[in-house]
């Protein structure tokens, strides 16, 4: 794109070939060419990248960045940070479970905040779910509540919904956060809050309207829950060792801002 877009939308994807085009068409209807859309294919074994490239061939605002192997949500997001060129950056789940109004609320909140996060437990948040998925929604809610209770106890982060798949950033703030991120998996969201707190960034929570169309989810409630518990313990240990102290995080941010010589990457970035 010849000029810097106001908004970049980042879609981390893993084996989303069956629905990625539908999501891209929806985003095109919401924002048109005004938003840069960055697909991060996290080493999918299906045709996610090919489907994205086919769409990008007729949409100059869409780019596909393919990681050679599946590394997890954290790695996908970290790889997106230097690629996003918008003044504002919106992270969204690739199935677009959060509607247009939710996305706009996050964007609008960035007028007065450095980071805007969706909160599914906000009093004004709403769920749309088929009757057949009531049990799934209850289990997901229970696991999410338990996880956030652990986050509050271990890391003293008082947010009620760290794992919401809708988050917005001023690009400069995201770059500063990115300098201290190391987590590979789903606990990347928690690490973002640790770093943002150390940097003293302004944060805004926004209500969301989330729609669950099926019980298919990239977060397997039991298996991923165990993995995320391990990641939380590692984050707690790093915090105890001063890894997320304001001085350490500020130093990492300052070092990241220094120009570095260009280096070849094994990753593939394709428009």
Protein backbone atom coordinates (compact mmCIF):
# COMPACT_ATOMS: atom_id res chain seq x y z
CA UNK A 1 0.00 0.00 0.00
CA UNK A 2 1.47 3.39 -1.00
CA UNK A 3 0.37 5.36 2.08
CA UNK A 4 0.09 4.26 5.69
CA UNK A 5 -3.45 2.97 6.38
CA UNK A 6 -5.26 4.14 9.48
CA UNK A 7 -6.15 0.57 10.47
CA UNK A 8 -4.51 -2.84 10.19
CA UNK A 9 -6.57 -5.91 11.05
CA UNK A 10 -4.50 -8.95 12.05
CA UNK A 11 -6.06 -12.41 11.67
CA UNK A 12 -3.96 -15.22 13.20
CA UNK A 13 -5.02 -18.44 11.43
CA UNK A 14 -4.43 -22.14 11.77
CA UNK A 15 -6.24 -24.51 9.38
CA UNK A 16 -8.96 -21.98 8.55
CA UNK A 17 -9.12 -22.74 4.83
CA UNK A 18 -12.82 -23.58 4.98
CA UNK A 19 -13.82 -20.15 6.26
CA UNK A 20 -11.02 -17.64 5.68
CA UNK A 21 -12.50 -16.31 2.42
CA UNK A 22 -15.87 -15.79 4.11
CA UNK A 23 -14.16 -13.81 6.87
CA UNK A 24 -12.23 -11.72 4.34
CA UNK A 25 -15.43 -10.96 2.43
CA UNK A 26 -17.06 -9.88 5.69
CA UNK A 27 -14.17 -7.56 6.55
CA UNK A 28 -14.31 -6.14 3.03
CA UNK A 29 -17.98 -5.34 3.63
CA UNK A 30 -17.17 -3.70 6.97
CA UNK A 31 -14.14 -1.59 6.04
CA UNK A 32 -13.54 -1.96 2.29
CA UNK A 33 -10.04 -1.00 1.18
CA UNK A 34 -9.66 1.50 4.04
CA UNK A 35 -8.20 -1.21 6.29
CA UNK A 36 -5.09 -3.28 5.71
CA UNK A 37 -5.84 -6.96 6.43
CA UNK A 38 -2.90 -9.10 7.49
CA UNK A 39 -3.43 -12.88 7.53
CA UNK A 40 -0.90 -14.73 9.67
CA UNK A 41 -1.00 -18.38 8.62
CA UNK A 42 0.53 -20.24 11.56
CA UNK A 43 1.93 -23.19 9.60
CA UNK A 44 -1.46 -24.56 8.53
CA UNK A 45 -1.61 -28.02 7.00
CA UNK A 46 -4.62 -27.07 4.87
CA UNK A 47 -5.05 -24.44 2.13
CA UNK A 48 -5.47 -21.39 4.40
CA UNK A 49 -2.56 -19.55 2.79
CA UNK A 50 -3.64 -20.44 -0.76
CA UNK A 51 -7.20 -19.26 -0.11
CA UNK A 52 -5.88 -16.03 1.38
CA UNK A 53 -3.52 -15.43 -1.54
CA UNK A 54 -6.32 -15.98 -4.05
CA UNK A 55 -8.41 -13.33 -2.31
CA UNK A 56 -5.43 -10.99 -1.98
CA UNK A 57 -4.81 -11.21 -5.74
CA UNK A 58 -7.85 -8.97 -6.28
CA UNK A 59 -7.61 -6.96 -3.05
CA UNK A 60 -4.47 -4.83 -2.70
CA UNK A 61 -5.15 -4.17 0.98
CA UNK A 62 -4.87 -7.89 1.93
CA UNK A 63 -1.54 -9.59 2.67
CA UNK A 64 -0.67 -13.16 3.67
CA UNK A 65 2.28 -13.97 5.91
CA UNK A 66 2.93 -17.71 6.24
CA UNK A 67 4.98 -19.19 9.07
CA UNK A 68 6.79 -22.39 8.05
CA UNK A 69 5.63 -24.42 11.07
CA UNK A 70 2.81 -24.16 13.58
CA UNK A 71 4.17 -22.26 16.57
CA UNK A 72 1.08 -21.08 18.44
CA UNK A 73 -0.95 -17.90 18.78
CA UNK A 74 1.84 -16.06 20.57
CA UNK A 75 4.35 -16.64 17.81
CA UNK A 76 1.80 -15.67 15.17
CA UNK A 77 1.00 -12.38 16.89
CA UNK A 78 4.64 -11.56 17.52
CA UNK A 79 5.44 -12.12 13.83
CA UNK A 80 2.62 -9.74 12.86
CA UNK A 81 3.83 -6.76 14.90
CA UNK A 82 6.64 -5.59 12.56
CA UNK A 83 4.43 -6.21 9.52
CA UNK A 84 1.41 -4.13 10.57
CA UNK A 85 1.61 -0.67 9.02
CA UNK A 86 -1.63 0.92 10.25
CA UNK A 87 -1.76 3.72 12.79
CA UNK A 88 -4.14 1.47 14.71
CA UNK A 89 -3.91 -2.33 14.89
CA UNK A 90 -6.84 -4.62 15.62
CA UNK A 91 -6.31 -8.28 16.56
CA UNK A 92 -9.33 -10.44 15.75
CA UNK A 93 -10.13 -14.14 15.77
CA UNK A 94 -10.22 -15.37 12.19
CA UNK A 95 -13.81 -16.62 12.49
CA UNK A 96 -14.94 -13.04 13.24
CA UNK A 97 -16.94 -14.10 16.29
CA UNK A 98 -17.06 -10.40 17.28
CA UNK A 99 -19.31 -8.19 15.19
CA UNK A 100 -18.70 -4.90 13.39
CA UNK A 101 -19.98 -2.77 16.26
CA UNK A 102 -17.60 -4.52 18.70
CA UNK A 103 -14.67 -3.81 16.41
CA UNK A 104 -15.71 -0.18 16.05
CA UNK A 105 -15.98 0.25 19.82
CA UNK A 106 -12.38 -0.96 20.18
CA UNK A 107 -11.24 1.42 17.43
CA UNK A 108 -13.10 4.37 18.96
CA UNK A 109 -11.65 3.65 22.41
CA UNK A 110 -8.13 4.13 21.02
CA UNK A 111 -8.84 7.85 20.70
CA UNK A 112 -8.16 8.06 24.46
CA UNK A 113 -6.29 4.81 25.18
CA UNK A 114 -3.19 2.98 24.02
CA UNK A 115 -4.84 -0.45 24.19
CA UNK A 116 -8.51 -1.42 23.93
CA UNK A 117 -9.68 -4.89 24.94
CA UNK A 118 -12.99 -6.65 24.57
CA UNK A 119 -14.64 -7.86 27.77
CA UNK A 120 -17.15 -10.69 27.35
CA UNK A 121 -18.14 -10.28 31.01
CA UNK A 122 -18.98 -6.59 30.65
CA UNK A 123 -22.54 -5.75 31.75
CA UNK A 124 -23.34 -4.58 28.20
CA UNK A 125 -21.79 -7.57 26.39
CA UNK A 126 -24.08 -9.95 24.53
CA UNK A 127 -23.85 -13.55 23.30
CA UNK A 128 -25.60 -15.11 20.33
CA UNK A 129 -25.56 -18.89 20.41
CA UNK A 130 -27.79 -21.71 19.11
CA UNK A 131 -29.70 -23.65 21.78
CA UNK A 132 -27.59 -26.73 20.97
CA UNK A 133 -24.47 -24.88 22.13
CA UNK A 134 -25.73 -23.77 25.57
CA UNK A 135 -23.65 -26.50 27.21
CA UNK A 136 -20.55 -25.49 25.24
CA UNK A 137 -21.05 -21.84 26.22
CA UNK A 138 -21.41 -22.76 29.89
CA UNK A 139 -18.24 -24.88 29.87
CA UNK A 140 -16.31 -22.18 28.02
CA UNK A 141 -17.50 -19.55 30.47
CA UNK A 142 -16.53 -21.72 33.46
CA UNK A 143 -13.04 -22.43 32.09
CA UNK A 144 -12.56 -18.73 31.27
CA UNK A 145 -13.67 -17.67 34.75
CA UNK A 146 -11.29 -20.17 36.36
CA UNK A 147 -8.39 -19.08 34.17
CA UNK A 148 -8.89 -15.41 34.96
CA UNK A 149 -9.11 -16.21 38.66
CA UNK A 150 -5.66 -17.79 38.35
CA UNK A 151 -4.39 -14.75 36.47
CA UNK A 152 -5.59 -12.45 39.23
CA UNK A 153 -4.07 -14.63 41.96
CA UNK A 154 -0.70 -15.29 40.30
CA UNK A 155 -0.05 -12.09 38.38
CA UNK A 156 -2.27 -9.49 40.07
CA UNK A 157 -3.94 -8.57 36.79
CA UNK A 158 -7.45 -7.53 37.71
CA UNK A 159 -9.06 -7.67 34.26
CA UNK A 160 -12.08 -9.98 34.08
CA UNK A 161 -11.45 -11.25 30.54
CA UNK A 162 -7.83 -11.44 29.44
CA UNK A 163 -8.52 -13.93 26.64
CA UNK A 164 -11.08 -12.06 24.56
CA UNK A 165 -10.12 -12.42 20.90
CA UNK A 166 -10.68 -8.73 20.14
CA UNK A 167 -7.91 -6.30 21.07
CA UNK A 168 -6.92 -2.95 19.60
CA UNK A 169 -3.68 -0.97 19.89
CA UNK A 170 -2.08 2.22 18.80
CA UNK A 171 0.72 0.90 16.61
CA UNK A 172 3.46 2.59 18.63
CA UNK A 173 2.10 1.01 21.83
CA UNK A 174 1.96 -2.43 20.22
CA UNK A 175 5.56 -2.12 19.06
CA UNK A 176 6.65 -1.18 22.58
CA UNK A 177 4.75 -4.14 24.01
CA UNK A 178 6.14 -6.49 21.37
CA UNK A 179 9.73 -5.85 22.44
CA UNK A 180 9.15 -7.86 25.65
CA UNK A 181 6.88 -10.64 24.38
CA UNK A 182 8.21 -14.22 24.44
CA UNK A 183 5.16 -16.44 24.94
CA UNK A 184 4.39 -18.89 22.13
CA UNK A 185 0.85 -19.97 22.99
CA UNK A 186 -2.50 -18.56 24.10
CA UNK A 187 -1.08 -16.93 27.25
CA UNK A 188 0.36 -14.24 24.96
CA UNK A 189 -2.70 -12.18 25.91
CA UNK A 190 -1.73 -12.27 29.58
CA UNK A 191 1.88 -11.36 28.81
CA UNK A 192 0.64 -8.36 26.82
CA UNK A 193 -1.12 -7.05 29.93
CA UNK A 194 1.97 -7.59 32.09
CA UNK A 195 4.07 -5.58 29.66
CA UNK A 196 1.43 -2.89 29.12
CA UNK A 197 1.17 -2.41 32.88
CA UNK A 198 4.95 -2.08 33.21
CA UNK A 199 4.94 0.54 30.44
CA UNK A 200 2.13 2.48 32.10
CA UNK A 201 -0.07 2.30 29.01
CA UNK A 202 -3.66 3.51 29.08
CA UNK A 203 -6.14 0.65 28.74
CA UNK A 204 -9.86 0.66 27.93
CA UNK A 205 -12.29 -2.26 28.20
CA UNK A 206 -15.21 -2.38 25.77
CA UNK A 207 -18.36 -4.53 25.65
CA UNK A 208 -18.66 -7.01 22.79
CA UNK A 209 -21.29 -8.96 20.92
CA UNK A 210 -19.91 -12.45 20.35
CA UNK A 211 -21.51 -15.16 18.21
CA UNK A 212 -20.64 -18.84 18.57
CA UNK A 213 -21.85 -20.73 15.51
CA UNK A 214 -20.35 -24.11 16.42
CA UNK A 215 -18.38 -25.83 19.16
CA UNK A 216 -15.34 -25.96 16.85
CA UNK A 217 -12.64 -23.90 18.47
CA UNK A 218 -8.88 -23.66 18.31
CA UNK A 219 -8.83 -23.63 22.12
CA UNK A 220 -9.42 -27.25 23.22
CA UNK A 221 -10.80 -26.61 26.67
CA UNK A 222 -8.95 -29.33 28.60
CA UNK A 223 -5.72 -29.83 26.66
CA UNK A 224 -5.13 -26.13 26.09
CA UNK A 225 -6.19 -25.36 29.64
CA UNK A 226 -3.34 -27.51 30.96
CA UNK A 227 -0.86 -25.90 28.55
CA UNK A 228 -2.01 -22.41 29.49
CA UNK A 229 -1.68 -23.23 33.20
CA UNK A 230 1.96 -24.10 32.52
CA UNK A 231 2.44 -20.85 30.62
CA UNK A 232 0.91 -18.89 33.51
CA UNK A 233 3.37 -20.46 35.93
CA UNK A 234 6.26 -19.51 33.64
CA UNK A 235 4.95 -15.94 33.44
CA UNK A 236 4.65 -15.82 37.22
CA UNK A 237 8.24 -17.05 37.58
CA UNK A 238 9.50 -14.43 35.11
CA UNK A 239 7.57 -11.74 36.96
CA UNK A 240 9.12 -12.86 40.27
CA UNK A 241 12.56 -12.56 38.67
CA UNK A 242 11.84 -9.01 37.53
CA UNK A 243 11.30 -9.84 33.87
CA UNK A 244 8.30 -7.48 33.71
CA UNK A 245 9.64 -4.68 35.90
CA UNK A 246 9.09 -1.18 34.47
CA UNK A 247 12.85 -0.65 34.09
CA UNK A 248 13.44 -3.94 32.29
CA UNK A 249 10.47 -3.52 29.97
CA UNK A 250 11.39 0.10 29.20
CA UNK A 251 14.93 -0.98 28.33
CA UNK A 252 13.66 -3.67 25.97
CA UNK A 253 11.35 -1.15 24.31
CA UNK A 254 14.20 1.34 23.85
CA UNK A 255 16.49 -1.33 22.40
CA UNK A 256 13.78 -2.44 19.98
CA UNK A 257 13.42 1.09 18.64
CA UNK A 258 17.06 1.23 17.58
CA UNK A 259 17.60 0.54 13.84
CA UNK A 260 18.90 -2.94 13.04
CA UNK A 261 20.57 -4.30 9.91
CA UNK A 262 18.24 -6.15 7.56
CA UNK A 263 18.22 -9.93 7.98
CA UNK A 264 16.87 -12.74 5.87
CA UNK A 265 13.95 -14.67 7.35
CA UNK A 266 12.78 -18.23 6.90
CA UNK A 267 9.25 -16.97 7.04
CA UNK A 268 7.33 -16.14 3.91
CA UNK A 269 5.44 -12.88 3.35
CA UNK A 270 3.27 -12.75 0.24
CA UNK A 271 0.74 -10.29 -1.04
